[in-house]
N, C-alpha and C. Protein backbone atom coordinates (compact mmCIF):
# COMPACT_ATOMS: atom_id res chain seq x y z
N MET A 1 71.59 101.73 98.72
CA MET A 1 72.22 100.44 98.86
C MET A 1 72.60 99.92 97.48
N LEU A 2 73.73 99.24 97.41
CA LEU A 2 74.21 98.69 96.14
C LEU A 2 73.47 97.41 95.79
N ASP A 3 73.36 97.17 94.50
CA ASP A 3 72.72 95.93 94.04
C ASP A 3 73.70 94.77 94.19
N PRO A 4 73.20 93.60 94.55
CA PRO A 4 74.09 92.44 94.66
C PRO A 4 74.53 91.95 93.28
N VAL A 5 75.63 91.27 93.26
CA VAL A 5 76.16 90.69 92.02
C VAL A 5 76.06 89.18 92.15
N HIS A 6 75.53 88.55 91.12
CA HIS A 6 75.41 87.09 91.11
C HIS A 6 76.38 86.52 90.09
N LEU A 7 77.09 85.46 90.45
CA LEU A 7 78.05 84.83 89.56
C LEU A 7 77.70 83.37 89.38
N LEU A 8 77.91 82.87 88.19
CA LEU A 8 77.79 81.45 87.93
C LEU A 8 79.21 80.95 87.72
N VAL A 9 79.69 80.09 88.61
CA VAL A 9 81.08 79.66 88.60
C VAL A 9 81.14 78.15 88.42
N SER A 10 82.08 77.73 87.61
CA SER A 10 82.32 76.31 87.42
C SER A 10 83.71 76.00 87.97
N ALA A 11 83.80 74.96 88.78
CA ALA A 11 85.08 74.58 89.37
C ALA A 11 85.17 73.06 89.43
N PRO A 12 86.38 72.53 89.39
CA PRO A 12 86.54 71.08 89.50
C PRO A 12 86.01 70.59 90.85
N PRO A 13 85.55 69.34 90.91
CA PRO A 13 84.97 68.82 92.15
C PRO A 13 85.95 68.74 93.32
N LYS A 14 87.24 68.86 93.04
CA LYS A 14 88.21 68.79 94.15
C LYS A 14 88.17 70.05 95.03
N PHE A 15 87.56 71.13 94.52
CA PHE A 15 87.45 72.37 95.30
C PHE A 15 86.09 72.44 95.97
N ALA A 16 86.09 72.67 97.26
CA ALA A 16 84.84 72.88 97.99
C ALA A 16 84.30 74.27 97.64
N PRO A 17 82.98 74.44 97.63
CA PRO A 17 82.42 75.77 97.32
C PRO A 17 82.99 76.88 98.21
N ALA A 18 83.19 76.61 99.48
CA ALA A 18 83.74 77.63 100.38
C ALA A 18 85.16 78.02 99.97
N GLU A 19 85.93 77.05 99.48
CA GLU A 19 87.30 77.35 99.04
C GLU A 19 87.30 78.21 97.78
N VAL A 20 86.37 77.94 96.87
CA VAL A 20 86.25 78.75 95.65
C VAL A 20 85.90 80.19 96.02
N VAL A 21 84.97 80.38 96.93
CA VAL A 21 84.58 81.72 97.37
C VAL A 21 85.74 82.42 98.05
N ARG A 22 86.47 81.70 98.89
CA ARG A 22 87.64 82.28 99.57
C ARG A 22 88.68 82.75 98.56
N LEU A 23 88.95 81.93 97.55
CA LEU A 23 89.91 82.31 96.51
C LEU A 23 89.44 83.54 95.74
N PHE A 24 88.17 83.55 95.38
CA PHE A 24 87.61 84.69 94.65
C PHE A 24 87.72 85.98 95.46
N LYS A 25 87.35 85.92 96.73
CA LYS A 25 87.41 87.11 97.58
C LYS A 25 88.85 87.61 97.73
N GLY A 26 89.78 86.69 97.92
CA GLY A 26 91.18 87.08 98.09
C GLY A 26 91.76 87.73 96.84
N ILE A 27 91.49 87.12 95.68
CA ILE A 27 92.02 87.66 94.42
C ILE A 27 91.43 89.03 94.13
N THR A 28 90.11 89.17 94.27
CA THR A 28 89.50 90.47 93.96
C THR A 28 89.95 91.55 94.94
N ALA A 29 90.12 91.20 96.20
CA ALA A 29 90.58 92.19 97.19
C ALA A 29 91.98 92.69 96.84
N ARG A 30 92.87 91.76 96.46
CA ARG A 30 94.23 92.17 96.09
C ARG A 30 94.25 93.01 94.82
N ARG A 31 93.38 92.71 93.87
CA ARG A 31 93.34 93.50 92.63
C ARG A 31 92.71 94.87 92.83
N LEU A 32 91.77 94.99 93.75
CA LEU A 32 91.13 96.28 94.00
C LEU A 32 92.01 97.22 94.83
N GLN A 33 92.87 96.67 95.65
CA GLN A 33 93.68 97.47 96.56
C GLN A 33 94.50 98.54 95.84
N PRO A 34 95.26 98.24 94.79
CA PRO A 34 96.04 99.31 94.14
C PRO A 34 95.16 100.37 93.46
N GLU A 35 93.99 99.97 93.01
CA GLU A 35 93.11 100.90 92.30
C GLU A 35 92.45 101.91 93.23
N PHE A 36 92.26 101.54 94.48
CA PHE A 36 91.55 102.40 95.43
C PHE A 36 92.43 102.74 96.63
N GLN A 37 93.58 103.31 96.37
CA GLN A 37 94.53 103.65 97.43
C GLN A 37 93.95 104.58 98.50
N PRO A 38 93.13 105.60 98.15
CA PRO A 38 92.59 106.48 99.20
C PRO A 38 91.71 105.75 100.21
N MET A 39 91.15 104.63 99.82
CA MET A 39 90.27 103.89 100.73
C MET A 39 91.04 102.86 101.56
N ARG A 40 92.34 102.83 101.40
CA ARG A 40 93.17 101.83 102.08
C ARG A 40 93.00 101.83 103.59
N ARG A 41 92.97 103.02 104.19
CA ARG A 41 92.83 103.11 105.65
C ARG A 41 91.52 102.54 106.15
N VAL A 42 90.47 102.72 105.35
CA VAL A 42 89.14 102.29 105.77
C VAL A 42 88.98 100.78 105.62
N TYR A 43 89.43 100.23 104.49
CA TYR A 43 89.13 98.84 104.17
C TYR A 43 90.30 97.88 104.32
N TRP A 44 91.52 98.38 104.48
CA TRP A 44 92.66 97.50 104.67
C TRP A 44 93.38 97.89 105.94
N GLY A 45 93.28 97.06 106.91
CA GLY A 45 93.91 97.31 108.19
C GLY A 45 93.60 96.16 109.13
N PRO A 46 94.12 96.22 110.34
CA PRO A 46 93.92 95.11 111.27
C PRO A 46 92.46 94.89 111.66
N ASN A 47 91.65 95.94 111.69
CA ASN A 47 90.26 95.79 112.11
C ASN A 47 89.27 95.99 110.97
N ALA A 48 89.75 96.13 109.76
CA ALA A 48 88.87 96.39 108.62
C ALA A 48 88.61 95.11 107.84
N THR A 49 87.48 95.05 107.19
CA THR A 49 87.15 93.90 106.35
C THR A 49 86.82 94.40 104.95
N ARG A 50 87.25 93.67 103.95
CA ARG A 50 86.96 94.03 102.57
C ARG A 50 85.65 93.41 102.13
N TRP A 51 85.29 92.30 102.72
CA TRP A 51 84.10 91.56 102.35
C TRP A 51 83.31 91.23 103.61
N ALA A 52 82.07 90.89 103.43
CA ALA A 52 81.26 90.40 104.54
C ALA A 52 81.78 89.02 104.95
N ASP A 53 81.50 88.61 106.18
CA ASP A 53 82.00 87.32 106.66
C ASP A 53 81.40 86.14 105.92
N GLY A 54 80.17 86.24 105.50
CA GLY A 54 79.52 85.12 104.80
C GLY A 54 79.58 85.30 103.29
N TYR A 55 78.87 84.44 102.63
CA TYR A 55 78.72 84.59 101.18
C TYR A 55 77.35 84.19 100.76
């Protein structure tokens, strides 16, 4: 099993914590996609998820 990663993030109060996490997940998923093209079928598709549902 992989070790978890912990981040300390600072954001303006106008952003809800859930919105910050959503933005982070979206940006990292888009940046990882070109780097890992062979895994595209597994992790990018209509029924695939790149991240767990929670945080």
